[in-house]
Amino acid sequence: MADLREFTVCEECYDAIVWPLIEDDRKKSEVAANFIRKRQAVPVASCQLYSKRMRDAFRRACKRNDIGYLKEKLAQESS
């Protein structure tokens, strides 16, 4: 994500979770749209959407258009 570089997502989760939210014109989520459109290989990273809890947090952040909420949940996950 452009505004949250530490939020990394694997290709599978991007295709299954992120891309549909970017494509859905009805939802217009600024959080989902914040993803860098061109895939980037990161030497060492883990997928932040690996758990149901983080997937729910991401979807909630998109629905609310609240990247701060996502930042908060990511910080909780890494502490």
C-alpha atoms as a PDB file:
ATOM      1  CA  MET A   1       0.000   0.000   0.000  1.00  0.00           C
ATOM      2  CA  ALA A   2       1.274   3.433  -0.827  1.00  0.00           C
ATOM      3  CA  ASP A   3       0.411   4.898   2.599  1.00  0.00           C
ATOM      4  CA  LEU A   4       1.148   1.761   4.599  1.00  0.00           C
ATOM      5  CA  ARG A   5       4.280   0.115   3.174  1.00  0.00           C
ATOM      6  CA  GLU A   6       4.447  -2.522   5.897  1.00  0.00           C
ATOM      7  CA  PHE A   7       1.048  -3.870   4.821  1.00  0.00           C
ATOM      8  CA  THR A   8       2.119  -6.567   2.385  1.00  0.00           C
ATOM      9  CA  VAL A   9      -0.189  -9.038   0.697  1.00  0.00           C
ATOM     10  CA  CYS A  10       0.571 -12.215  -1.218  1.00  0.00           C
ATOM     11  CA  GLU A  11      -0.606 -12.618  -4.808  1.00  0.00           C
ATOM     12  CA  GLU A  12      -3.365 -15.051  -3.859  1.00  0.00           C
ATOM     13  CA  CYS A  13      -4.901 -12.733  -1.233  1.00  0.00           C
ATOM     14  CA  TYR A  14      -4.522  -9.736  -3.526  1.00  0.00           C
ATOM     15  CA  ASP A  15      -6.482 -11.524  -6.246  1.00  0.00           C
ATOM     16  CA  ALA A  16      -9.114 -12.918  -3.875  1.00  0.00           C
ATOM     17  CA  ILE A  17      -9.631 -10.029  -1.449  1.00  0.00           C
ATOM     18  CA  VAL A  18      -8.064  -6.754  -2.575  1.00  0.00           C
ATOM     19  CA  TRP A  19      -8.686  -6.699  -6.324  1.00  0.00           C
ATOM     20  CA  PRO A  20     -12.462  -7.295  -6.086  1.00  0.00           C
ATOM     21  CA  LEU A  21     -12.722  -4.287  -3.759  1.00  0.00           C
ATOM     22  CA  ILE A  22     -10.692  -2.146  -6.153  1.00  0.00           C
ATOM     23  CA  GLU A  23     -12.853  -3.209  -9.101  1.00  0.00           C
ATOM     24  CA  ASP A  24     -16.218  -2.781  -7.377  1.00  0.00           C
ATOM     25  CA  ASP A  25     -17.405   0.643  -8.532  1.00  0.00           C
ATOM     26  CA  ARG A  26     -20.220   0.656  -5.996  1.00  0.00           C
ATOM     27  CA  LYS A  27     -17.885   0.572  -3.001  1.00  0.00           C
ATOM     28  CA  LYS A  28     -15.196   3.075  -4.097  1.00  0.00           C
ATOM     29  CA  SER A  29     -12.885   2.210  -1.204  1.00  0.00           C
ATOM     30  CA  GLU A  30      -9.989   4.630  -0.894  1.00  0.00           C
ATOM     31  CA  VAL A  31      -8.229   2.086   1.314  1.00  0.00           C
ATOM     32  CA  ALA A  32      -8.330  -0.629  -1.351  1.00  0.00           C
ATOM     33  CA  ALA A  33      -7.455   1.903  -4.049  1.00  0.00           C
ATOM     34  CA  ASN A  34      -4.357   2.828  -2.014  1.00  0.00           C
ATOM     35  CA  PHE A  35      -2.754  -0.432  -3.117  1.00  0.00           C
ATOM     36  CA  ILE A  36      -0.015  -0.025  -5.647  1.00  0.00           C
ATOM     37  CA  ARG A  37      -1.542  -1.371  -8.859  1.00  0.00           C
ATOM     38  CA  LYS A  38       1.640  -2.921 -10.177  1.00  0.00           C
ATOM     39  CA  ARG A  39       2.724  -5.977  -8.261  1.00  0.00           C
ATOM     40  CA  GLN A  40       6.068  -5.658  -6.561  1.00  0.00           C
ATOM     41  CA  ALA A  41       8.284  -8.449  -5.387  1.00  0.00           C
ATOM     42  CA  VAL A  42       9.522  -7.898  -1.855  1.00  0.00           C
ATOM     43  CA  PRO A  43      12.623  -9.865  -0.819  1.00  0.00           C
ATOM     44  CA  VAL A  44      11.305 -10.773   2.639  1.00  0.00           C
ATOM     45  CA  ALA A  45       7.707 -10.198   3.613  1.00  0.00           C
ATOM     46  CA  SER A  46       4.685 -11.918   5.006  1.00  0.00           C
ATOM     47  CA  CYS A  47       1.089 -11.663   3.932  1.00  0.00           C
ATOM     48  CA  GLN A  48      -0.866  -9.392   6.257  1.00  0.00           C
ATOM     49  CA  LEU A  49      -4.163 -10.930   5.148  1.00  0.00           C
ATOM     50  CA  TYR A  50      -3.233 -14.438   6.272  1.00  0.00           C
ATOM     51  CA  SER A  51      -5.747 -14.516   9.124  1.00  0.00           C
ATOM     52  CA  LYS A  52      -9.503 -14.141   9.160  1.00  0.00           C
ATOM     53  CA  ARG A  53      -9.108 -11.402  11.768  1.00  0.00           C
ATOM     54  CA  MET A  54      -6.906  -9.276   9.498  1.00  0.00           C
ATOM     55  CA  ARG A  55      -9.108  -9.976   6.471  1.00  0.00           C
ATOM     56  CA  ASP A  56     -12.100  -8.746   8.481  1.00  0.00           C
ATOM     57  CA  ALA A  57     -10.128  -5.691   9.633  1.00  0.00           C
ATOM     58  CA  PHE A  58      -9.130  -4.903   6.038  1.00  0.00           C
ATOM     59  CA  ARG A  59     -12.698  -5.224   4.794  1.00  0.00           C
ATOM     60  CA  ARG A  60     -13.949  -3.063   7.668  1.00  0.00           C
ATOM     61  CA  ALA A  61     -11.303  -0.403   6.911  1.00  0.00           C
ATOM     62  CA  CYS A  62     -12.354  -0.429   3.254  1.00  0.00           C
ATOM     63  CA  LYS A  63     -16.031  -0.137   4.122  1.00  0.00           C
ATOM     64  CA  ARG A  64     -15.308   2.812   6.445  1.00  0.00           C
ATOM     65  CA  ASN A  65     -12.647   4.314   4.161  1.00  0.00           C
ATOM     66  CA  ASP A  66     -10.492   4.447   7.299  1.00  0.00           C
ATOM     67  CA  ILE A  67      -6.817   3.666   6.764  1.00  0.00           C
ATOM     68  CA  GLY A  68      -6.154   4.713  10.363  1.00  0.00           C
ATOM     69  CA  TYR A  69      -8.240   1.765  11.537  1.00  0.00           C
ATOM     70  CA  LEU A  70      -6.161  -0.573   9.401  1.00  0.00           C
ATOM     71  CA  LYS A  71      -2.914   0.947  10.755  1.00  0.00           C
ATOM     72  CA  GLU A  72      -4.179   0.404  14.296  1.00  0.00           C
ATOM     73  CA  LYS A  73      -5.050  -3.238  13.639  1.00  0.00           C
ATOM     74  CA  LEU A  74      -1.709  -3.846  11.936  1.00  0.00           C
ATOM     75  CA  ALA A  75       0.125  -2.387  14.951  1.00  0.00           C
ATOM     76  CA  GLN A  76      -1.877  -4.651  17.293  1.00  0.00           C
ATOM     77  CA  GLU A  77      -0.998  -7.661  15.140  1.00  0.00           C
ATOM     78  CA  SER A  78       2.739  -6.967  15.266  1.00  0.00           C
ATOM     79  CA  SER A  79       2.928  -6.280  19.016  1.00  0.00           C
END
